[in-house]
Amino acid sequence: MKRNAFIISLLSFFCMTTQAQQIEIFEPAMMEVEYNKKMVRDTLNRENDFISEAVRLRIGKKTIMFYSPKELWYDSLSCNQELKTQVFLQYSRSKGKLSAPAGFYKERVYKNHPVGKITVFNRFDLCHWTYTEDWEKPQWELTDSTKIVLNLPCQLAISQYRGRTWYAWFTIDIPISEGPWKLCGLPGLILEAHDEKSDYHYTATGIIQDNIPDVGIYNYSEYDWLITDRIRYLKTWYKANNTNMGAKVSQMYNLDLKAAKGTPQKMKHRNYDLEERDYQD
């Protein structure tokens, strides 16, 4: 185990000191907020079937980057494919004892890039997707409810946003009109947010103000992105989330004759919808 930990540390150092590929720097970051994102994968079994993973909000003066640090770290290993393969093999041989090296959350959201727009990147359905949309901020109704998050006083606001009712706790002690994912537009930083049934729940776990990398697009693997629009993106992503990818890969490469005979089956535990539900006809 000590040897494996050393390999991962070596990977991180090696890739940070190697010239990255296809990186577009926007501006220095003023602050970074780490959240725990909890996502229910089966609405019939909310208490037991969910994913919980760290995500981060990197804030500049003009642009904002929301991403998974685990996914970005794994992508950065592309500077040396041999070492990246070692990490993947270590995970494969663990038989589920180690978490996936790239994590679960793959979507990256850039607010105000370009100006007045939101740009999203994601990987699913064996492809790499991107779209740009107008920056449509949630419209909030303030309430009198208060609570403490990260030792900071917060006030509750409620919004109907793209098919869900969102509850957000924000603090005016940090007067930055930002929050996790696409949530923003309040008089202070959002430290906690969830939808009506907490199928999606963000909770701030820490605030970083020193030694933060720049806000920018980090495409270490030099992916070629398929350009689409938001509605098509959501429909494709929903379909992919409800498809057995193992069966689909078997069909594509004829790896399993039994799986190749029929169409890809739905995942048994994936009774959930996306954060934005306004794509439905």
C-alpha atoms as a PDB file:
ATOM      1  CA  MET A   1       0.000   0.000   0.000  1.00  0.00           C
ATOM      2  CA  LYS A   2       2.882   2.342   0.790  1.00  0.00           C
ATOM      3  CA  ARG A   3       4.323   1.665  -2.664  1.00  0.00           C
ATOM      4  CA  ASN A   4       0.969   2.455  -4.318  1.00  0.00           C
ATOM      5  CA  ALA A   5       0.681   5.706  -2.369  1.00  0.00           C
ATOM      6  CA  PHE A   6       4.188   6.624  -3.490  1.00  0.00           C
ATOM      7  CA  ILE A   7       3.291   5.991  -7.132  1.00  0.00           C
ATOM      8  CA  ILE A   8       0.253   8.277  -6.901  1.00  0.00           C
ATOM      9  CA  SER A   9       2.338  11.020  -5.241  1.00  0.00           C
ATOM     10  CA  LEU A  10       4.964  10.657  -7.952  1.00  0.00           C
ATOM     11  CA  LEU A  11       2.308  10.942 -10.631  1.00  0.00           C
ATOM     12  CA  SER A  12       0.993  14.176  -9.165  1.00  0.00           C
ATOM     13  CA  PHE A  13       4.468  15.724  -8.988  1.00  0.00           C
ATOM     14  CA  PHE A  14       5.483  14.542 -12.436  1.00  0.00           C
ATOM     15  CA  CYS A  15       2.421  15.866 -14.187  1.00  0.00           C
ATOM     16  CA  MET A  16       2.436  19.217 -12.405  1.00  0.00           C
ATOM     17  CA  THR A  17       6.028  19.790 -13.546  1.00  0.00           C
ATOM     18  CA  THR A  18       5.372  18.748 -17.126  1.00  0.00           C
ATOM     19  CA  GLN A  19       4.059  21.215 -19.674  1.00  0.00           C
ATOM     20  CA  ALA A  20       0.298  20.713 -19.950  1.00  0.00           C
ATOM     21  CA  GLN A  21      -1.606  20.474 -23.200  1.00  0.00           C
ATOM     22  CA  GLN A  22      -4.429  22.677 -24.510  1.00  0.00           C
ATOM     23  CA  ILE A  23      -4.713  24.886 -21.441  1.00  0.00           C
ATOM     24  CA  GLU A  24      -6.526  28.216 -21.721  1.00  0.00           C
ATOM     25  CA  ILE A  25      -5.976  30.442 -18.699  1.00  0.00           C
ATOM     26  CA  PHE A  26      -8.655  33.074 -18.019  1.00  0.00           C
ATOM     27  CA  GLU A  27      -7.491  34.841 -14.864  1.00  0.00           C
ATOM     28  CA  PRO A  28      -6.124  34.303 -11.336  1.00  0.00           C
ATOM     29  CA  ALA A  29      -8.494  32.781  -8.790  1.00  0.00           C
ATOM     30  CA  MET A  30      -9.576  34.789  -5.732  1.00  0.00           C
ATOM     31  CA  MET A  31     -11.122  31.918  -3.826  1.00  0.00           C
ATOM     32  CA  GLU A  32     -11.989  28.245  -4.074  1.00  0.00           C
ATOM     33  CA  VAL A  33     -14.834  26.572  -2.201  1.00  0.00           C
ATOM     34  CA  GLU A  34     -14.987  22.819  -1.738  1.00  0.00           C
ATOM     35  CA  TYR A  35     -18.395  21.179  -1.447  1.00  0.00           C
ATOM     36  CA  ASN A  36     -19.549  17.685  -0.798  1.00  0.00           C
ATOM     37  CA  LYS A  37     -22.001  16.746  -3.538  1.00  0.00           C
ATOM     38  CA  LYS A  38     -24.483  14.033  -2.664  1.00  0.00           C
ATOM     39  CA  MET A  39     -26.540  12.632  -5.522  1.00  0.00           C
ATOM     40  CA  VAL A  40     -29.279  10.030  -5.102  1.00  0.00           C
ATOM     41  CA  ARG A  41     -29.165   7.362  -7.797  1.00  0.00           C
ATOM     42  CA  ASP A  42     -32.369   5.560  -6.876  1.00  0.00           C
ATOM     43  CA  THR A  43     -35.338   7.649  -5.759  1.00  0.00           C
ATOM     44  CA  LEU A  44     -36.962   4.436  -4.495  1.00  0.00           C
ATOM     45  CA  ASN A  45     -34.018   3.865  -2.150  1.00  0.00           C
ATOM     46  CA  ARG A  46     -32.744   7.325  -1.273  1.00  0.00           C
ATOM     47  CA  GLU A  47     -31.156   6.336   2.044  1.00  0.00           C
ATOM     48  CA  ASN A  48     -28.885   3.664   0.602  1.00  0.00           C
ATOM     49  CA  ASP A  49     -28.274   4.297  -3.108  1.00  0.00           C
ATOM     50  CA  PHE A  50     -26.390   7.552  -3.535  1.00  0.00           C
ATOM     51  CA  ILE A  51     -22.979   8.939  -4.483  1.00  0.00           C
ATOM     52  CA  SER A  52     -21.071  11.431  -2.353  1.00  0.00           C
ATOM     53  CA  GLU A  53     -18.023  13.179  -3.815  1.00  0.00           C
ATOM     54  CA  ALA A  54     -15.976  16.357  -3.435  1.00  0.00           C
ATOM     55  CA  VAL A  55     -16.474  19.122  -6.019  1.00  0.00           C
ATOM     56  CA  ARG A  56     -14.999  22.619  -6.162  1.00  0.00           C
ATOM     57  CA  LEU A  57     -15.980  26.142  -7.165  1.00  0.00           C
ATOM     58  CA  ARG A  58     -13.002  28.229  -8.329  1.00  0.00           C
ATOM     59  CA  ILE A  59     -13.866  31.928  -8.404  1.00  0.00           C
ATOM     60  CA  GLY A  60     -12.110  34.658 -10.372  1.00  0.00           C
ATOM     61  CA  LYS A  61     -13.069  38.309 -10.725  1.00  0.00           C
ATOM     62  CA  LYS A  62     -14.965  37.655 -13.957  1.00  0.00           C
ATOM     63  CA  THR A  63     -15.120  33.907 -14.547  1.00  0.00           C
ATOM     64  CA  ILE A  64     -16.071  30.920 -12.419  1.00  0.00           C
ATOM     65  CA  MET A  65     -15.082  27.276 -12.779  1.00  0.00           C
ATOM     66  CA  PHE A  66     -17.003  24.382 -11.194  1.00  0.00           C
ATOM     67  CA  TYR A  67     -15.369  20.958 -11.404  1.00  0.00           C
ATOM     68  CA  SER A  68     -14.363  17.699  -9.749  1.00  0.00           C
ATOM     69  CA  PRO A  69     -10.792  17.855  -8.380  1.00  0.00           C
ATOM     70  CA  LYS A  70     -10.515  14.093  -8.660  1.00  0.00           C
ATOM     71  CA  GLU A  71     -11.500  14.093 -12.345  1.00  0.00           C
ATOM     72  CA  LEU A  72      -9.156  16.989 -13.115  1.00  0.00           C
ATOM     73  CA  TRP A  73      -6.277  15.260 -11.316  1.00  0.00           C
ATOM     74  CA  TYR A  74      -6.809  12.030 -13.247  1.00  0.00           C
ATOM     75  CA  ASP A  75      -7.011  13.928 -16.529  1.00  0.00           C
ATOM     76  CA  SER A  76      -3.722  15.666 -15.695  1.00  0.00           C
ATOM     77  CA  LEU A  77      -2.004  12.271 -15.650  1.00  0.00           C
ATOM     78  CA  SER A  78      -2.412  12.185 -19.426  1.00  0.00           C
ATOM     79  CA  CYS A  79       1.000  13.832 -19.639  1.00  0.00           C
ATOM     80  CA  ASN A  80       2.347  10.311 -19.127  1.00  0.00           C
ATOM     81  CA  GLN A  81       0.074   7.546 -20.363  1.00  0.00           C
ATOM     82  CA  GLU A  82       2.230   4.776 -18.905  1.00  0.00           C
ATOM     83  CA  LEU A  83       1.866   6.137 -15.386  1.00  0.00           C
ATOM     84  CA  LYS A  84      -1.833   6.854 -15.917  1.00  0.00           C
ATOM     85  CA  THR A  85      -2.264   3.219 -16.927  1.00  0.00           C
ATOM     86  CA  GLN A  86      -0.588   2.110 -13.694  1.00  0.00           C
ATOM     87  CA  VAL A  87      -3.118   4.061 -11.656  1.00  0.00           C
ATOM     88  CA  PHE A  88      -6.012   2.561 -13.630  1.00  0.00           C
ATOM     89  CA  LEU A  89      -4.630  -0.970 -13.248  1.00  0.00           C
ATOM     90  CA  GLN A  90      -4.199  -0.434  -9.516  1.00  0.00           C
ATOM     91  CA  TYR A  91      -7.884   0.499  -9.306  1.00  0.00           C
ATOM     92  CA  SER A  92      -8.966  -2.443 -11.517  1.00  0.00           C
ATOM     93  CA  ARG A  93      -7.045  -4.956  -9.431  1.00  0.00           C
ATOM     94  CA  SER A  94      -8.520  -3.631  -6.186  1.00  0.00           C
ATOM     95  CA  LYS A  95     -11.896  -5.226  -7.073  1.00  0.00           C
ATOM     96  CA  GLY A  96     -13.891  -2.309  -5.726  1.00  0.00           C
ATOM     97  CA  LYS A  97     -11.749  -1.628  -2.638  1.00  0.00           C
ATOM     98  CA  LEU A  98     -10.500   1.643  -4.155  1.00  0.00           C
ATOM     99  CA  SER A  99     -12.721   4.379  -5.572  1.00  0.00           C
ATOM    100  CA  ALA A 100     -12.575   5.077  -9.307  1.00  0.00           C
ATOM    101  CA  PRO A 101      -9.484   7.219 -10.013  1.00  0.00           C
ATOM    102  CA  ALA A 102     -11.467   9.772 -12.028  1.00  0.00           C
ATOM    103  CA  GLY A 103     -14.399   9.799  -9.626  1.00  0.00           C
ATOM    104  CA  PHE A 104     -18.032   9.885 -10.679  1.00  0.00           C
ATOM    105  CA  TYR A 105     -18.630  13.568 -11.391  1.00  0.00           C
ATOM    106  CA  LYS A 106     -17.229  14.474 -14.846  1.00  0.00           C
ATOM    107  CA  GLU A 107     -19.089  17.673 -15.717  1.00  0.00           C
ATOM    108  CA  ARG A 108     -17.195  20.995 -15.734  1.00  0.00           C
ATOM    109  CA  VAL A 109     -19.169  24.255 -15.721  1.00  0.00           C
ATOM    110  CA  TYR A 110     -17.710  27.638 -16.695  1.00  0.00           C
ATOM    111  CA  LYS A 111     -19.805  30.685 -15.814  1.00  0.00           C
ATOM    112  CA  ASN A 112     -19.338  33.915 -17.761  1.00  0.00           C
ATOM    113  CA  HIS A 113     -17.287  32.156 -20.441  1.00  0.00           C
ATOM    114  CA  PRO A 114     -17.668  33.617 -22.902  1.00  0.00           C
ATOM    115  CA  VAL A 115     -19.051  36.832 -21.383  1.00  0.00           C
ATOM    116  CA  GLY A 116     -22.731  36.408 -20.489  1.00  0.00           C
ATOM    117  CA  LYS A 117     -22.657  32.689 -21.284  1.00  0.00           C
ATOM    118  CA  ILE A 118     -22.158  29.341 -19.561  1.00  0.00           C
ATOM    119  CA  THR A 119     -19.995  26.665 -21.184  1.00  0.00           C
ATOM    120  CA  VAL A 120     -20.232  23.046 -20.072  1.00  0.00           C
ATOM    121  CA  PHE A 121     -17.911  20.097 -20.752  1.00  0.00           C
ATOM    122  CA  ASN A 122     -18.663  16.475 -19.905  1.00  0.00           C
ATOM    123  CA  ARG A 123     -17.763  12.891 -20.762  1.00  0.00           C
ATOM    124  CA  PHE A 124     -20.450  10.218 -21.130  1.00  0.00           C
ATOM    125  CA  ASP A 125     -21.752   7.675 -23.610  1.00  0.00           C
ATOM    126  CA  LEU A 126     -18.154   7.039 -24.774  1.00  0.00           C
ATOM    127  CA  CYS A 127     -17.915  10.613 -26.112  1.00  0.00           C
ATOM    128  CA  HIS A 128     -16.833  14.106 -25.029  1.00  0.00           C
ATOM    129  CA  TRP A 129     -19.539  16.787 -25.119  1.00  0.00           C
ATOM    130  CA  THR A 130     -19.697  20.551 -24.849  1.00  0.00           C
ATOM    131  CA  TYR A 131     -22.347  23.239 -25.191  1.00  0.00           C
ATOM    132  CA  THR A 132     -22.669  26.966 -24.575  1.00  0.00           C
ATOM    133  CA  GLU A 133     -25.847  28.673 -23.374  1.00  0.00           C
ATOM    134  CA  ASP A 134     -27.001  32.087 -22.197  1.00  0.00           C
ATOM    135  CA  TRP A 135     -26.222  32.580 -18.508  1.00  0.00           C
ATOM    136  CA  GLU A 136     -29.709  32.239 -17.040  1.00  0.00           C
ATOM    137  CA  LYS A 137     -29.437  32.830 -13.298  1.00  0.00           C
ATOM    138  CA  PRO A 138     -32.022  31.421 -10.887  1.00  0.00           C
ATOM    139  CA  GLN A 139     -34.583  33.906  -9.537  1.00  0.00           C
ATOM    140  CA  TRP A 140     -34.663  33.673  -5.751  1.00  0.00           C
ATOM    141  CA  GLU A 141     -37.203  34.436  -3.040  1.00  0.00           C
ATOM    142  CA  LEU A 142     -35.577  35.308   0.284  1.00  0.00           C
ATOM    143  CA  THR A 143     -36.956  33.874   3.532  1.00  0.00           C
ATOM    144  CA  ASP A 144     -36.412  34.619   7.226  1.00  0.00           C
ATOM    145  CA  SER A 145     -34.880  31.196   7.950  1.00  0.00           C
ATOM    146  CA  THR A 146     -31.263  31.135   9.104  1.00  0.00           C
ATOM    147  CA  LYS A 147     -28.622  28.573  10.005  1.00  0.00           C
ATOM    148  CA  ILE A 148     -24.855  28.270  10.486  1.00  0.00           C
ATOM    149  CA  VAL A 149     -22.668  26.668   7.797  1.00  0.00           C
ATOM    150  CA  LEU A 150     -18.882  26.582   8.192  1.00  0.00           C
ATOM    151  CA  ASN A 151     -19.298  28.832  11.253  1.00  0.00           C
ATOM    152  CA  LEU A 152     -20.862  31.504   9.028  1.00  0.00           C
ATOM    153  CA  PRO A 153     -24.423  32.865   9.394  1.00  0.00           C
ATOM    154  CA  CYS A 154     -26.570  31.950   6.399  1.00  0.00           C
ATOM    155  CA  GLN A 155     -30.021  32.892   5.145  1.00  0.00           C
ATOM    156  CA  LEU A 156     -32.361  30.670   3.163  1.00  0.00           C
ATOM    157  CA  ALA A 157     -33.534  31.479  -0.374  1.00  0.00           C
ATOM    158  CA  ILE A 158     -35.831  29.429  -2.626  1.00  0.00           C
ATOM    159  CA  SER A 159     -35.965  29.223  -6.421  1.00  0.00           C
ATOM    160  CA  GLN A 160     -37.802  27.332  -9.136  1.00  0.00           C
ATOM    161  CA  TYR A 161     -35.014  26.539 -11.574  1.00  0.00           C
ATOM    162  CA  ARG A 162     -35.289  24.319 -14.619  1.00  0.00           C
ATOM    163  CA  GLY A 163     -37.666  21.762 -13.225  1.00  0.00           C
ATOM    164  CA  ARG A 164     -36.618  21.668  -9.574  1.00  0.00           C
ATOM    165  CA  THR A 165     -37.281  23.668  -6.428  1.00  0.00           C
ATOM    166  CA  TRP A 166     -33.930  24.698  -4.957  1.00  0.00           C
ATOM    167  CA  TYR A 167     -33.226  25.729  -1.365  1.00  0.00           C
ATOM    168  CA  ALA A 168     -29.982  27.666  -0.927  1.00  0.00           C
ATOM    169  CA  TRP A 169     -28.266  28.892   2.213  1.00  0.00           C
ATOM    170  CA  PHE A 170     -26.056  31.909   1.481  1.00  0.00           C
ATOM    171  CA  THR A 171     -23.888  34.159   3.648  1.00  0.00           C
ATOM    172  CA  ILE A 172     -23.538  37.916   3.213  1.00  0.00           C
ATOM    173  CA  ASP A 173     -20.279  37.635   5.181  1.00  0.00           C
ATOM    174  CA  ILE A 174     -18.788  36.580   1.832  1.00  0.00           C
ATOM    175  CA  PRO A 175     -20.496  39.025  -0.593  1.00  0.00           C
ATOM    176  CA  ILE A 176     -19.809  36.995  -3.723  1.00  0.00           C
ATOM    177  CA  SER A 177     -22.906  36.201  -5.781  1.00  0.00           C
ATOM    178  CA  GLU A 178     -21.888  32.624  -6.517  1.00  0.00           C
ATOM    179  CA  GLY A 179     -22.553  29.023  -5.605  1.00  0.00           C
ATOM    180  CA  PRO A 180     -22.097  25.408  -6.683  1.00  0.00           C
ATOM    181  CA  TRP A 181     -22.969  24.205 -10.165  1.00  0.00           C
ATOM    182  CA  LYS A 182     -25.220  26.797 -11.927  1.00  0.00           C
ATOM    183  CA  LEU A 183     -26.672  28.127  -8.678  1.00  0.00           C
ATOM    184  CA  CYS A 184     -25.841  31.812  -8.142  1.00  0.00           C
ATOM    185  CA  GLY A 185     -27.431  35.282  -8.073  1.00  0.00           C
ATOM    186  CA  LEU A 186     -27.798  35.852  -4.328  1.00  0.00           C
ATOM    187  CA  PRO A 187     -26.277  38.682  -2.207  1.00  0.00           C
ATOM    188  CA  GLY A 188     -23.677  36.289  -0.824  1.00  0.00           C
ATOM    189  CA  LEU A 189     -21.889  33.003  -1.394  1.00  0.00           C
ATOM    190  CA  ILE A 190     -24.065  29.869  -1.339  1.00  0.00           C
ATOM    191  CA  LEU A 191     -22.649  27.416   1.204  1.00  0.00           C
ATOM    192  CA  GLU A 192     -25.398  24.803   1.085  1.00  0.00           C
ATOM    193  CA  ALA A 193     -28.075  23.968  -1.477  1.00  0.00           C
ATOM    194  CA  HIS A 194     -30.456  21.120  -2.216  1.00  0.00           C
ATOM    195  CA  ASP A 195     -33.577  20.380  -4.204  1.00  0.00           C
ATOM    196  CA  GLU A 196     -36.951  19.624  -2.642  1.00  0.00           C
ATOM    197  CA  LYS A 197     -36.264  15.962  -1.842  1.00  0.00           C
ATOM    198  CA  SER A 198     -32.474  16.314  -1.513  1.00  0.00           C
ATOM    199  CA  ASP A 199     -31.837  14.160  -4.560  1.00  0.00           C
ATOM    200  CA  TYR A 200     -29.006  16.653  -5.133  1.00  0.00           C
ATOM    201  CA  HIS A 201     -27.356  18.216  -2.100  1.00  0.00           C
ATOM    202  CA  TYR A 202     -24.292  20.485  -1.914  1.00  0.00           C
ATOM    203  CA  THR A 203     -22.632  21.289   1.419  1.00  0.00           C
ATOM    204  CA  ALA A 204     -19.538  23.479   1.697  1.00  0.00           C
ATOM    205  CA  THR A 205     -16.712  21.736   3.555  1.00  0.00           C
ATOM    206  CA  GLY A 206     -13.958  24.320   3.225  1.00  0.00           C
ATOM    207  CA  ILE A 207     -12.838  27.651   1.754  1.00  0.00           C
ATOM    208  CA  ILE A 208      -9.374  28.055   0.225  1.00  0.00           C
ATOM    209  CA  GLN A 209      -7.830  31.482  -0.399  1.00  0.00           C
ATOM    210  CA  ASP A 210      -4.123  30.742  -0.922  1.00  0.00           C
ATOM    211  CA  ASN A 211      -2.119  28.930  -3.623  1.00  0.00           C
ATOM    212  CA  ILE A 212      -5.103  28.390  -5.911  1.00  0.00           C
ATOM    213  CA  PRO A 213      -4.449  27.538  -9.592  1.00  0.00           C
ATOM    214  CA  ASP A 214      -5.826  29.916 -12.219  1.00  0.00           C
ATOM    215  CA  VAL A 215      -9.368  29.777 -13.537  1.00  0.00           C
ATOM    216  CA  GLY A 216      -9.193  28.249 -16.993  1.00  0.00           C
ATOM    217  CA  ILE A 217      -9.866  25.310 -19.270  1.00  0.00           C
ATOM    218  CA  TYR A 218      -7.535  22.389 -18.564  1.00  0.00           C
ATOM    219  CA  ASN A 219      -7.724  19.869 -21.392  1.00  0.00           C
ATOM    220  CA  TYR A 220      -4.730  17.675 -20.616  1.00  0.00           C
ATOM    221  CA  SER A 221      -5.964  14.796 -22.763  1.00  0.00           C
ATOM    222  CA  GLU A 222      -6.546  17.004 -25.828  1.00  0.00           C
ATOM    223  CA  TYR A 223     -10.107  15.738 -26.206  1.00  0.00           C
ATOM    224  CA  ASP A 224     -12.015  16.562 -29.363  1.00  0.00           C
ATOM    225  CA  TRP A 225     -15.353  17.858 -28.066  1.00  0.00           C
ATOM    226  CA  LEU A 226     -18.673  17.181 -29.776  1.00  0.00           C
ATOM    227  CA  ILE A 227     -20.553  20.494 -29.869  1.00  0.00           C
ATOM    228  CA  THR A 228     -24.262  20.338 -29.106  1.00  0.00           C
ATOM    229  CA  ASP A 229     -26.962  22.413 -27.395  1.00  0.00           C
ATOM    230  CA  ARG A 230     -28.194  22.130 -23.821  1.00  0.00           C
ATOM    231  CA  ILE A 231     -31.447  20.254 -24.500  1.00  0.00           C
ATOM    232  CA  ARG A 232     -29.839  17.663 -26.757  1.00  0.00           C
ATOM    233  CA  TYR A 233     -27.021  17.299 -24.271  1.00  0.00           C
ATOM    234  CA  LEU A 234     -29.437  16.597 -21.410  1.00  0.00           C
ATOM    235  CA  LYS A 235     -31.500  14.123 -23.432  1.00  0.00           C
ATOM    236  CA  THR A 236     -28.378  12.245 -24.504  1.00  0.00           C
ATOM    237  CA  TRP A 237     -26.976  12.246 -20.973  1.00  0.00           C
ATOM    238  CA  TYR A 238     -30.237  10.976 -19.482  1.00  0.00           C
ATOM    239  CA  LYS A 239     -30.357   8.149 -22.001  1.00  0.00           C
ATOM    240  CA  ALA A 240     -26.724   7.257 -21.276  1.00  0.00           C
ATOM    241  CA  ASN A 241     -27.370   7.218 -17.522  1.00  0.00           C
ATOM    242  CA  ASN A 242     -30.139   4.696 -18.037  1.00  0.00           C
ATOM    243  CA  THR A 243     -28.165   2.411 -20.333  1.00  0.00           C
ATOM    244  CA  ASN A 244     -26.005  -0.516 -19.317  1.00  0.00           C
ATOM    245  CA  MET A 245     -22.679   0.653 -20.734  1.00  0.00           C
ATOM    246  CA  GLY A 246     -21.112  -2.772 -20.311  1.00  0.00           C
ATOM    247  CA  ALA A 247     -23.714  -4.246 -22.639  1.00  0.00           C
ATOM    248  CA  LYS A 248     -23.281  -1.350 -25.053  1.00  0.00           C
ATOM    249  CA  VAL A 249     -19.511  -1.830 -25.239  1.00  0.00           C
ATOM    250  CA  SER A 250     -20.040  -5.548 -25.744  1.00  0.00           C
ATOM    251  CA  GLN A 251     -22.298  -4.806 -28.696  1.00  0.00           C
ATOM    252  CA  MET A 252     -19.830  -2.363 -30.221  1.00  0.00           C
ATOM    253  CA  TYR A 253     -16.837  -4.688 -30.000  1.00  0.00           C
ATOM    254  CA  ASN A 254     -18.615  -8.052 -29.949  1.00  0.00           C
ATOM    255  CA  LEU A 255     -16.967  -8.950 -26.655  1.00  0.00           C
ATOM    256  CA  ASP A 256     -19.905 -10.935 -25.310  1.00  0.00           C
ATOM    257  CA  LEU A 257     -22.151 -12.825 -27.678  1.00  0.00           C
ATOM    258  CA  LYS A 258     -25.000 -12.969 -25.158  1.00  0.00           C
ATOM    259  CA  ALA A 259     -24.951  -9.220 -24.592  1.00  0.00           C
ATOM    260  CA  ALA A 260     -24.635  -8.582 -28.308  1.00  0.00           C
ATOM    261  CA  LYS A 261     -27.892 -10.330 -29.126  1.00  0.00           C
ATOM    262  CA  GLY A 262     -30.185  -7.713 -27.610  1.00  0.00           C
ATOM    263  CA  THR A 263     -30.317  -4.010 -27.002  1.00  0.00           C
ATOM    264  CA  PRO A 264     -28.461  -2.480 -24.016  1.00  0.00           C
ATOM    265  CA  GLN A 265     -30.490  -2.969 -20.854  1.00  0.00           C
ATOM    266  CA  LYS A 266     -31.394  -0.253 -18.368  1.00  0.00           C
ATOM    267  CA  MET A 267     -29.469  -0.061 -15.128  1.00  0.00           C
ATOM    268  CA  LYS A 268     -31.573  -1.474 -12.302  1.00  0.00           C
ATOM    269  CA  HIS A 269     -30.598   1.156  -9.725  1.00  0.00           C
ATOM    270  CA  ARG A 270     -30.692   4.297 -11.869  1.00  0.00           C
ATOM    271  CA  ASN A 271     -34.151   5.619 -10.975  1.00  0.00           C
ATOM    272  CA  TYR A 272     -33.146   9.272 -10.955  1.00  0.00           C
ATOM    273  CA  ASP A 273     -33.233  12.346 -13.152  1.00  0.00           C
ATOM    274  CA  LEU A 274     -30.737  15.071 -13.986  1.00  0.00           C
ATOM    275  CA  GLU A 275     -30.395  18.315 -12.039  1.00  0.00           C
ATOM    276  CA  GLU A 276     -32.082  20.144 -14.919  1.00  0.00           C
ATOM    277  CA  ARG A 277     -35.373  18.537 -15.870  1.00  0.00           C
ATOM    278  CA  ASP A 278     -36.735  21.047 -18.354  1.00  0.00           C
ATOM    279  CA  TYR A 279     -35.440  18.991 -21.304  1.00  0.00           C
ATOM    280  CA  GLN A 280     -38.416  16.659 -21.102  1.00  0.00           C
ATOM    281  CA  ASP A 281     -41.007  17.021 -23.871  1.00  0.00           C
END
